[in-house]
C-alpha atoms as a PDB file:
ATOM      1  CA  MET A   1      94.758 -50.874  99.159  1.00  0.00           C
ATOM      2  CA  GLY A   2      92.101 -50.706  96.487  1.00  0.00           C
ATOM      3  CA  PRO A   3      88.617 -48.967  96.446  1.00  0.00           C
ATOM      4  CA  MET A   4      86.135 -49.974  99.096  1.00  0.00           C
ATOM      5  CA  SER A   5      83.462 -52.546  98.340  1.00  0.00           C
ATOM      6  CA  THR A   6      79.912 -51.482  98.005  1.00  0.00           C
ATOM      7  CA  GLY A   7      78.353 -50.688 101.365  1.00  0.00           C
ATOM      8  CA  GLU A   8      81.745 -50.328 103.157  1.00  0.00           C
ATOM      9  CA  LEU A   9      81.854 -46.605 103.021  1.00  0.00           C
ATOM     10  CA  GLU A  10      78.394 -46.462 104.372  1.00  0.00           C
ATOM     11  CA  ARG A  11      79.358 -48.733 107.247  1.00  0.00           C
ATOM     12  CA  ARG A  12      82.489 -46.727 108.134  1.00  0.00           C
ATOM     13  CA  LEU A  13      80.712 -43.383 107.991  1.00  0.00           C
ATOM     14  CA  GLY A  14      77.966 -44.813 110.315  1.00  0.00           C
ATOM     15  CA  GLU A  15      80.587 -45.982 112.832  1.00  0.00           C
ATOM     16  CA  ALA A  16      82.428 -42.580 112.682  1.00  0.00           C
ATOM     17  CA  CYS A  17      79.160 -40.688 113.071  1.00  0.00           C
ATOM     18  CA  ASP A  18      78.093 -42.755 116.032  1.00  0.00           C
ATOM     19  CA  SER A  19      81.405 -42.171 117.696  1.00  0.00           C
ATOM     20  CA  VAL A  20      81.064 -38.298 117.321  1.00  0.00           C
ATOM     21  CA  ARG A  21      77.428 -38.246 118.449  1.00  0.00           C
ATOM     22  CA  ALA A  22      78.397 -40.206 121.562  1.00  0.00           C
ATOM     23  CA  GLN A  23      80.765 -37.334 122.487  1.00  0.00           C
ATOM     24  CA  CYS A  24      78.717 -34.384 121.229  1.00  0.00           C
ATOM     25  CA  GLU A  25      74.889 -34.017 121.096  1.00  0.00           C
ATOM     26  CA  ALA A  26      74.957 -30.766 118.994  1.00  0.00           C
ATOM     27  CA  THR A  27      74.025 -31.135 115.377  1.00  0.00           C
ATOM     28  CA  PRO A  28      76.118 -28.872 113.068  1.00  0.00           C
ATOM     29  CA  THR A  29      74.523 -27.235 110.089  1.00  0.00           C
ATOM     30  CA  VAL A  30      77.638 -25.663 108.565  1.00  0.00           C
ATOM     31  CA  GLY A  31      80.946 -27.448 108.115  1.00  0.00           C
ATOM     32  CA  LEU A  32      84.411 -25.925 107.780  1.00  0.00           C
ATOM     33  CA  VAL A  33      87.699 -27.274 106.554  1.00  0.00           C
ATOM     34  CA  LEU A  34      90.705 -25.347 107.923  1.00  0.00           C
ATOM     35  CA  GLY A  35      93.854 -25.626 105.750  1.00  0.00           C
ATOM     36  CA  SER A  36      97.615 -24.936 106.382  1.00  0.00           C
ATOM     37  CA  GLY A  37      98.167 -22.336 109.160  1.00  0.00           C
ATOM     38  CA  LEU A  38      94.413 -21.604 109.524  1.00  0.00           C
ATOM     39  CA  GLY A  39      93.444 -23.998 112.235  1.00  0.00           C
ATOM     40  CA  ALA A  40      93.335 -21.324 114.882  1.00  0.00           C
ATOM     41  CA  PHE A  41      89.774 -20.251 113.798  1.00  0.00           C
ATOM     42  CA  ALA A  42      88.366 -23.408 115.448  1.00  0.00           C
ATOM     43  CA  ASP A  43      89.673 -22.218 118.808  1.00  0.00           C
ATOM     44  CA  GLY A  44      87.199 -19.272 118.703  1.00  0.00           C
ATOM     45  CA  LEU A  45      84.081 -21.460 118.849  1.00  0.00           C
ATOM     46  CA  SER A  46      81.953 -21.300 121.987  1.00  0.00           C
ATOM     47  CA  ASP A  47      80.621 -24.376 123.937  1.00  0.00           C
ATOM     48  CA  ALA A  48      82.980 -26.386 121.751  1.00  0.00           C
ATOM     49  CA  VAL A  49      83.606 -30.117 121.953  1.00  0.00           C
ATOM     50  CA  ARG A  50      87.049 -31.017 120.542  1.00  0.00           C
ATOM     51  CA  ILE A  51      87.561 -34.611 119.280  1.00  0.00           C
ATOM     52  CA  PRO A  52      90.961 -35.815 118.043  1.00  0.00           C
ATOM     53  CA  TYR A  53      90.906 -37.503 114.719  1.00  0.00           C
ATOM     54  CA  ASP A  54      92.628 -40.569 116.011  1.00  0.00           C
ATOM     55  CA  THR A  55      89.675 -41.273 118.421  1.00  0.00           C
ATOM     56  CA  ILE A  56      87.162 -41.354 115.499  1.00  0.00           C
ATOM     57  CA  PRO A  57      86.939 -44.598 113.772  1.00  0.00           C
ATOM     58  CA  HIS A  58      88.188 -44.612 110.126  1.00  0.00           C
ATOM     59  CA  LEU A  59      89.158 -40.915 110.089  1.00  0.00           C
ATOM     60  CA  PRO A  60      92.749 -40.623 109.127  1.00  0.00           C
ATOM     61  CA  SER A  61      95.075 -38.139 110.933  1.00  0.00           C
ATOM     62  CA  PRO A  62      97.220 -35.611 109.092  1.00  0.00           C
ATOM     63  CA  THR A  63     100.938 -35.749 109.184  1.00  0.00           C
ATOM     64  CA  VAL A  64     101.692 -32.206 107.757  1.00  0.00           C
ATOM     65  CA  SER A  65     102.824 -29.281 109.936  1.00  0.00           C
ATOM     66  CA  GLY A  66      99.892 -26.762 110.326  1.00  0.00           C
ATOM     67  CA  HIS A  67      97.287 -29.471 110.376  1.00  0.00           C
ATOM     68  CA  ALA A  68      96.279 -30.235 114.116  1.00  0.00           C
ATOM     69  CA  GLY A  69      93.949 -33.148 113.360  1.00  0.00           C
ATOM     70  CA  LYS A  70      90.931 -32.275 115.634  1.00  0.00           C
ATOM     71  CA  LEU A  71      87.193 -32.046 114.924  1.00  0.00           C
ATOM     72  CA  HIS A  72      85.647 -29.042 116.824  1.00  0.00           C
ATOM     73  CA  ILE A  73      81.878 -28.809 117.032  1.00  0.00           C
ATOM     74  CA  GLY A  74      80.623 -25.544 118.673  1.00  0.00           C
ATOM     75  CA  LYS A  75      78.838 -22.273 118.170  1.00  0.00           C
ATOM     76  CA  LEU A  76      79.675 -19.275 116.175  1.00  0.00           C
ATOM     77  CA  GLY A  77      77.001 -16.741 116.938  1.00  0.00           C
ATOM     78  CA  ASP A  78      73.686 -18.660 116.329  1.00  0.00           C
ATOM     79  CA  VAL A  79      75.293 -21.198 113.958  1.00  0.00           C
ATOM     80  CA  THR A  80      76.311 -24.656 115.097  1.00  0.00           C
ATOM     81  CA  LEU A  81      79.515 -25.272 113.256  1.00  0.00           C
ATOM     82  CA  ALA A  82      81.700 -28.462 112.701  1.00  0.00           C
ATOM     83  CA  CYS A  83      85.322 -27.659 111.928  1.00  0.00           C
ATOM     84  CA  LEU A  84      87.857 -30.047 110.578  1.00  0.00           C
ATOM     85  CA  GLN A  85      91.150 -28.599 112.090  1.00  0.00           C
ATOM     86  CA  GLY A  86      93.508 -29.894 109.362  1.00  0.00           C
ATOM     87  CA  ARG A  87      93.118 -32.404 106.512  1.00  0.00           C
ATOM     88  CA  VAL A  88      94.971 -35.284 104.986  1.00  0.00           C
ATOM     89  CA  HIS A  89      96.312 -35.083 101.437  1.00  0.00           C
ATOM     90  CA  LEU A  90      96.672 -37.538  98.631  1.00  0.00           C
ATOM     91  CA  TYR A  91     100.454 -37.105  98.717  1.00  0.00           C
ATOM     92  CA  GLU A  92     100.496 -38.448 102.285  1.00  0.00           C
ATOM     93  CA  GLY A  93      99.807 -41.876 100.619  1.00  0.00           C
ATOM     94  CA  HIS A  94      96.045 -41.891 101.257  1.00  0.00           C
ATOM     95  CA  GLU A  95      93.569 -43.391  98.786  1.00  0.00           C
ATOM     96  CA  PRO A  96      91.269 -40.634  97.514  1.00  0.00           C
ATOM     97  CA  GLU A  97      88.172 -42.052  99.390  1.00  0.00           C
ATOM     98  CA  ARG A  98      90.179 -41.843 102.695  1.00  0.00           C
ATOM     99  CA  ALA A  99      91.341 -38.300 101.967  1.00  0.00           C
ATOM    100  CA  VAL A 100      87.700 -37.147 101.677  1.00  0.00           C
ATOM    101  CA  PHE A 101      86.366 -39.145 104.600  1.00  0.00           C
ATOM    102  CA  GLY A 102      86.378 -36.139 106.883  1.00  0.00           C
ATOM    103  CA  VAL A 103      84.118 -33.986 104.659  1.00  0.00           C
ATOM    104  CA  ARG A 104      81.835 -36.950 104.146  1.00  0.00           C
ATOM    105  CA  LEU A 105      81.561 -37.173 107.931  1.00  0.00           C
ATOM    106  CA  LEU A 106      80.648 -33.468 108.073  1.00  0.00           C
ATOM    107  CA  ALA A 107      77.787 -34.094 105.779  1.00  0.00           C
ATOM    108  CA  ARG A 108      76.660 -37.213 107.585  1.00  0.00           C
ATOM    109  CA  LEU A 109      76.718 -35.173 110.842  1.00  0.00           C
ATOM    110  CA  GLY A 110      74.104 -32.742 109.377  1.00  0.00           C
ATOM    111  CA  CYS A 111      76.062 -30.144 107.515  1.00  0.00           C
ATOM    112  CA  SER A 112      74.179 -28.919 104.447  1.00  0.00           C
ATOM    113  CA  VAL A 113      76.904 -26.384 103.501  1.00  0.00           C
ATOM    114  CA  VAL A 114      80.625 -26.901 103.874  1.00  0.00           C
ATOM    115  CA  LEU A 115      83.163 -24.183 103.439  1.00  0.00           C
ATOM    116  CA  ILE A 116      86.691 -25.141 102.512  1.00  0.00           C
ATOM    117  CA  THR A 117      89.971 -23.224 103.077  1.00  0.00           C
ATOM    118  CA  ASN A 118      93.368 -23.866 101.822  1.00  0.00           C
ATOM    119  CA  ALA A 119      96.839 -22.408 101.285  1.00  0.00           C
ATOM    120  CA  ALA A 120      97.642 -22.001  97.577  1.00  0.00           C
ATOM    121  CA  GLY A 121     100.278 -20.648  95.269  1.00  0.00           C
ATOM    122  CA  GLY A 122      99.374 -17.555  93.255  1.00  0.00           C
ATOM    123  CA  ILE A 123      99.556 -17.698  89.371  1.00  0.00           C
ATOM    124  CA  CYS A 124      97.452 -14.632  88.617  1.00  0.00           C
ATOM    125  CA  SER A 125      99.858 -11.732  88.271  1.00  0.00           C
ATOM    126  CA  SER A 126      97.756  -9.330  90.293  1.00  0.00           C
ATOM    127  CA  PHE A 127      97.850 -11.596  93.372  1.00  0.00           C
ATOM    128  CA  HIS A 128     100.444 -11.300  96.139  1.00  0.00           C
ATOM    129  CA  PRO A 129     101.266 -13.343  99.370  1.00  0.00           C
ATOM    130  CA  GLY A 130      98.246 -12.653 101.630  1.00  0.00           C
ATOM    131  CA  THR A 131      95.586 -12.365  98.881  1.00  0.00           C
ATOM    132  CA  LEU A 132      92.295 -14.086  99.630  1.00  0.00           C
ATOM    133  CA  MET A 133      90.726 -15.817  96.581  1.00  0.00           C
ATOM    134  CA  LEU A 134      87.187 -17.029  96.273  1.00  0.00           C
ATOM    135  CA  ILE A 135      87.296 -20.200  94.173  1.00  0.00           C
ATOM    136  CA  SER A 136      84.930 -19.898  91.216  1.00  0.00           C
ATOM    137  CA  ASP A 137      85.736 -23.257  89.609  1.00  0.00           C
ATOM    138  CA  HIS A 138      88.494 -25.859  89.651  1.00  0.00           C
ATOM    139  CA  ILE A 139      90.560 -28.091  87.329  1.00  0.00           C
ATOM    140  CA  ASN A 140      91.491 -31.525  88.599  1.00  0.00           C
ATOM    141  CA  LEU A 141      95.060 -32.351  87.550  1.00  0.00           C
ATOM    142  CA  SER A 142      95.865 -34.561  90.537  1.00  0.00           C
ATOM    143  CA  GLY A 143      95.205 -37.751  88.495  1.00  0.00           C
ATOM    144  CA  LYS A 144      92.908 -39.036  91.360  1.00  0.00           C
ATOM    145  CA  ASN A 145      89.140 -38.881  91.858  1.00  0.00           C
ATOM    146  CA  PRO A 146      87.454 -39.964  95.152  1.00  0.00           C
ATOM    147  CA  LEU A 147      84.577 -41.504  93.314  1.00  0.00           C
ATOM    148  CA  THR A 148      86.661 -44.123  91.593  1.00  0.00           C
ATOM    149  CA  GLY A 149      85.404 -47.636  92.329  1.00  0.00           C
ATOM    150  CA  PRO A 150      81.958 -48.979  93.052  1.00  0.00           C
ATOM    151  CA  ASN A 151      79.375 -46.154  93.476  1.00  0.00           C
ATOM    152  CA  GLU A 152      77.759 -45.891  96.877  1.00  0.00           C
ATOM    153  CA  ALA A 153      74.226 -45.066  95.520  1.00  0.00           C
ATOM    154  CA  SER A 154      72.938 -44.244  99.068  1.00  0.00           C
ATOM    155  CA  LEU A 155      75.413 -41.318  99.092  1.00  0.00           C
ATOM    156  CA  GLY A 156      74.874 -40.013  95.462  1.00  0.00           C
ATOM    157  CA  PRO A 157      74.711 -40.844  91.761  1.00  0.00           C
ATOM    158  CA  ARG A 158      77.369 -42.569  89.649  1.00  0.00           C
ATOM    159  CA  PHE A 159      77.909 -39.525  87.464  1.00  0.00           C
ATOM    160  CA  PRO A 160      77.384 -36.392  89.582  1.00  0.00           C
ATOM    161  CA  ASP A 161      77.090 -33.042  87.818  1.00  0.00           C
ATOM    162  CA  MET A 162      79.898 -30.489  88.677  1.00  0.00           C
ATOM    163  CA  THR A 163      78.520 -27.496  86.898  1.00  0.00           C
ATOM    164  CA  HIS A 164      77.846 -25.805  90.283  1.00  0.00           C
ATOM    165  CA  ALA A 165      80.423 -27.588  92.398  1.00  0.00           C
ATOM    166  CA  TYR A 166      81.002 -24.175  93.999  1.00  0.00           C
ATOM    167  CA  ASP A 167      77.424 -23.065  94.923  1.00  0.00           C
ATOM    168  CA  PRO A 168      76.625 -19.755  93.441  1.00  0.00           C
ATOM    169  CA  GLU A 169      74.545 -18.511  96.404  1.00  0.00           C
ATOM    170  CA  VAL A 170      77.269 -19.462  98.861  1.00  0.00           C
ATOM    171  CA  GLY A 171      79.779 -17.635  96.665  1.00  0.00           C
ATOM    172  CA  GLN A 172      77.641 -14.509  96.626  1.00  0.00           C
ATOM    173  CA  LEU A 173      77.379 -14.683 100.472  1.00  0.00           C
ATOM    174  CA  ALA A 174      81.155 -14.660 100.630  1.00  0.00           C
ATOM    175  CA  ARG A 175      81.310 -11.555  98.448  1.00  0.00           C
ATOM    176  CA  ASP A 176      78.750  -9.936 100.660  1.00  0.00           C
ATOM    177  CA  ALA A 177      80.722 -10.867 103.847  1.00  0.00           C
ATOM    178  CA  ALA A 178      84.016  -9.503 102.471  1.00  0.00           C
ATOM    179  CA  ALA A 179      82.340  -6.191 101.595  1.00  0.00           C
ATOM    180  CA  ALA A 180      80.711  -5.918 105.013  1.00  0.00           C
ATOM    181  CA  VAL A 181      83.989  -6.459 106.917  1.00  0.00           C
ATOM    182  CA  GLY A 182      86.203  -4.608 104.560  1.00  0.00           C
ATOM    183  CA  VAL A 183      88.390  -7.576 103.275  1.00  0.00           C
ATOM    184  CA  GLU A 184      89.471  -7.652  99.670  1.00  0.00           C
ATOM    185  CA  LEU A 185      88.344 -10.898  98.064  1.00  0.00           C
ATOM    186  CA  LYS A 186      89.625 -11.883  94.649  1.00  0.00           C
ATOM    187  CA  GLU A 187      88.128 -14.640  92.612  1.00  0.00           C
ATOM    188  CA  GLY A 188      89.574 -17.340  90.347  1.00  0.00           C
ATOM    189  CA  VAL A 189      90.041 -20.846  89.168  1.00  0.00           C
ATOM    190  CA  TYR A 190      92.010 -23.300  91.383  1.00  0.00           C
ATOM    191  CA  VAL A 191      93.945 -26.311  90.128  1.00  0.00           C
ATOM    192  CA  ALA A 192      94.723 -29.437  92.173  1.00  0.00           C
ATOM    193  CA  MET A 193      98.125 -30.947  91.476  1.00  0.00           C
ATOM    194  CA  GLY A 194      99.257 -34.223  93.190  1.00  0.00           C
ATOM    195  CA  GLY A 195     102.380 -32.814  95.083  1.00  0.00           C
ATOM    196  CA  PRO A 196     104.183 -33.041  97.395  1.00  0.00           C
ATOM    197  CA  SER A 197     106.862 -31.391  95.183  1.00  0.00           C
ATOM    198  CA  TYR A 198     105.970 -27.861  94.202  1.00  0.00           C
ATOM    199  CA  GLU A 199     105.364 -27.255  90.466  1.00  0.00           C
ATOM    200  CA  THR A 200     108.155 -26.350  88.035  1.00  0.00           C
ATOM    201  CA  PRO A 201     108.198 -22.979  86.229  1.00  0.00           C
ATOM    202  CA  ALA A 202     107.157 -24.848  83.031  1.00  0.00           C
ATOM    203  CA  GLU A 203     104.212 -26.374  84.731  1.00  0.00           C
ATOM    204  CA  ILE A 204     103.154 -22.898  86.045  1.00  0.00           C
ATOM    205  CA  ARG A 205     103.409 -21.455  82.522  1.00  0.00           C
ATOM    206  CA  MET A 206     101.201 -24.380  81.318  1.00  0.00           C
ATOM    207  CA  LEU A 207      98.632 -23.702  84.026  1.00  0.00           C
ATOM    208  CA  ARG A 208      98.603 -19.955  83.314  1.00  0.00           C
ATOM    209  CA  THR A 209      97.799 -20.878  79.652  1.00  0.00           C
ATOM    210  CA  LEU A 210      94.829 -23.037  80.918  1.00  0.00           C
ATOM    211  CA  GLY A 211      93.310 -20.020  82.734  1.00  0.00           C
ATOM    212  CA  VAL A 212      94.414 -21.022  86.267  1.00  0.00           C
ATOM    213  CA  ASP A 213      94.695 -18.437  89.005  1.00  0.00           C
ATOM    214  CA  ALA A 214      95.934 -20.462  91.949  1.00  0.00           C
ATOM    215  CA  VAL A 215      97.454 -23.966  92.398  1.00  0.00           C
ATOM    216  CA  GLY A 216      97.417 -26.325  95.381  1.00  0.00           C
ATOM    217  CA  MET A 217      97.361 -29.891  96.587  1.00  0.00           C
ATOM    218  CA  SER A 218      93.975 -30.311  98.279  1.00  0.00           C
ATOM    219  CA  THR A 219      90.255 -29.191  98.142  1.00  0.00           C
ATOM    220  CA  VAL A 220      89.285 -30.549  94.791  1.00  0.00           C
ATOM    221  CA  PRO A 221      88.672 -34.075  96.010  1.00  0.00           C
ATOM    222  CA  GLU A 222      86.732 -32.776  98.941  1.00  0.00           C
ATOM    223  CA  VAL A 223      84.461 -30.679  96.719  1.00  0.00           C
ATOM    224  CA  ILE A 224      83.878 -33.758  94.338  1.00  0.00           C
ATOM    225  CA  ALA A 225      82.829 -35.876  97.271  1.00  0.00           C
ATOM    226  CA  LEU A 226      80.542 -33.261  98.712  1.00  0.00           C
ATOM    227  CA  GLY A 227      79.028 -32.612  95.357  1.00  0.00           C
ATOM    228  CA  HIS A 228      78.362 -36.334  95.012  1.00  0.00           C
ATOM    229  CA  MET A 229      76.469 -36.121  98.273  1.00  0.00           C
ATOM    230  CA  GLY A 230      74.491 -32.930  97.269  1.00  0.00           C
ATOM    231  CA  VAL A 231      76.197 -30.751  99.756  1.00  0.00           C
ATOM    232  CA  ARG A 232      76.613 -27.031  98.898  1.00  0.00           C
ATOM    233  CA  CYS A 233      80.282 -25.928  98.812  1.00  0.00           C
ATOM    234  CA  GLY A 234      82.236 -22.768  98.957  1.00  0.00           C
ATOM    235  CA  ALA A 235      85.890 -22.319  99.161  1.00  0.00           C
ATOM    236  CA  VAL A 236      88.566 -19.639  99.696  1.00  0.00           C
ATOM    237  CA  SER A 237      92.284 -19.890  99.056  1.00  0.00           C
ATOM    238  CA  CYS A 238      94.872 -17.917 100.962  1.00  0.00           C
ATOM    239  CA  ILE A 239      97.619 -17.081  98.501  1.00  0.00           C
ATOM    240  CA  THR A 240     100.658 -17.825 100.639  1.00  0.00           C
ATOM    241  CA  ASN A 241     103.316 -17.522  97.910  1.00  0.00           C
ATOM    242  CA  MET A 242     103.722 -16.819  94.267  1.00  0.00           C
ATOM    243  CA  ALA A 243     104.054 -19.972  92.184  1.00  0.00           C
ATOM    244  CA  ALA A 244     107.368 -21.277  90.788  1.00  0.00           C
ATOM    245  CA  GLY A 245     109.152 -18.867  88.346  1.00  0.00           C
ATOM    246  CA  MET A 246     107.026 -15.880  89.371  1.00  0.00           C
ATOM    247  CA  SER A 247     109.051 -14.332  92.106  1.00  0.00           C
ATOM    248  CA  GLY A 248     112.527 -15.890  91.756  1.00  0.00           C
ATOM    249  CA  ALA A 249     112.401 -17.098  95.349  1.00  0.00           C
ATOM    250  CA  ALA A 250     112.607 -20.812  96.507  1.00  0.00           C
ATOM    251  CA  LEU A 251     109.353 -22.245  97.694  1.00  0.00           C
ATOM    252  CA  ASP A 252     109.275 -23.362 101.322  1.00  0.00           C
ATOM    253  CA  HIS A 253     106.386 -24.705 103.419  1.00  0.00           C
ATOM    254  CA  ARG A 254     107.427 -22.605 106.377  1.00  0.00           C
ATOM    255  CA  GLU A 255     106.751 -19.515 104.188  1.00  0.00           C
ATOM    256  CA  VAL A 256     103.232 -21.008 103.477  1.00  0.00           C
ATOM    257  CA  GLU A 257     102.564 -21.176 107.228  1.00  0.00           C
ATOM    258  CA  GLU A 258     104.055 -17.788 108.057  1.00  0.00           C
ATOM    259  CA  THR A 259     102.067 -15.976 105.349  1.00  0.00           C
ATOM    260  CA  ALA A 260      98.863 -17.810 106.348  1.00  0.00           C
ATOM    261  CA  ALA A 261      99.414 -16.601 109.881  1.00  0.00           C
ATOM    262  CA  GLN A 262      99.865 -13.006 108.722  1.00  0.00           C
ATOM    263  CA  ALA A 263      96.608 -13.199 106.746  1.00  0.00           C
ATOM    264  CA  ARG A 264      94.816 -14.904 109.554  1.00  0.00           C
ATOM    265  CA  ASP A 265      93.003 -11.764 110.980  1.00  0.00           C
ATOM    266  CA  SER A 266      91.544 -10.889 107.512  1.00  0.00           C
ATOM    267  CA  PHE A 267      90.618 -14.565 106.918  1.00  0.00           C
ATOM    268  CA  VAL A 268      88.935 -14.925 110.380  1.00  0.00           C
ATOM    269  CA  ARG A 269      86.841 -11.789 109.836  1.00  0.00           C
ATOM    270  CA  LEU A 270      85.817 -13.052 106.347  1.00  0.00           C
ATOM    271  CA  LEU A 271      84.852 -16.628 107.656  1.00  0.00           C
ATOM    272  CA  ALA A 272      82.836 -15.263 110.672  1.00  0.00           C
ATOM    273  CA  ALA A 273      80.841 -12.890 108.408  1.00  0.00           C
ATOM    274  CA  TRP A 274      80.386 -15.593 105.783  1.00  0.00           C
ATOM    275  CA  ILE A 275      79.112 -18.169 108.357  1.00  0.00           C
ATOM    276  CA  GLU A 276      76.845 -15.674 109.921  1.00  0.00           C
ATOM    277  CA  ARG A 277      75.219 -15.080 106.512  1.00  0.00           C
ATOM    278  CA  ILE A 278      75.065 -18.717 105.524  1.00  0.00           C
ATOM    279  CA  GLY A 279      73.270 -19.726 108.849  1.00  0.00           C
ATOM    280  CA  PRO A 280      69.799 -18.469 107.729  1.00  0.00           C
ATOM    281  CA  ALA A 281      70.487 -19.342 104.097  1.00  0.00           C
ATOM    282  CA  LYS A 282      71.331 -23.045 104.492  1.00  0.00           C
ATOM    283  CA  GLY A 283      69.190 -25.737 103.026  1.00  0.00           C
END
């Protein structure tokens, strides 16, 4: 399946948006993508409408453990929030523009800021499983870009600038939130690899040489798509394991989910405080 023709993405986004609005009248202002093992955050929203992905036209459903596949729209304090509880990945066989359809839908529903979470492997030697890392910048080594193909000019420019792909003000609000709730928040560069195999020790040595602090298989396509649409982004990785060759242990997705669950309390406190601060700062 090749890239969509011009106008097709707009049509599909419109149909998906109409489907959601028929089930939920609230207009979200902040979007949130919940990665591996972090989906429980969405269950804490009040007055929430929960919509399975497979009932929304054109929105692909995840197949990976830890990704529930539901869109939650509800309130966190005074902020109306739309949460993607789980995401799809390029390694599941999706074309890049399909993998980012969910975040584009958040933008189309009204979200002017989108926060993204993921589980990642730690490369920085000062990290440990459970570390939370604010993404300061990324490197795309997935070999894929969601903007490949005809440009949808109604969504954004042909050549979008990525200098501030991770919005500086949104990042500062994350630092403020972490300090306020007593959660340690590291910072660093995230690299996206294609997966689904984990990296080799030689690849990790290469990434460390490139100045990378954490490695994963998501997030970067979503940030590119949102940047294309002019949506402000912030992202935090939960370091769920140290990358290949750093600990001597075999890598296992169950470990990823277990460590994410152990870090959940800190992550939830950080996200809640972050979203509370973004509410009045959006726009």
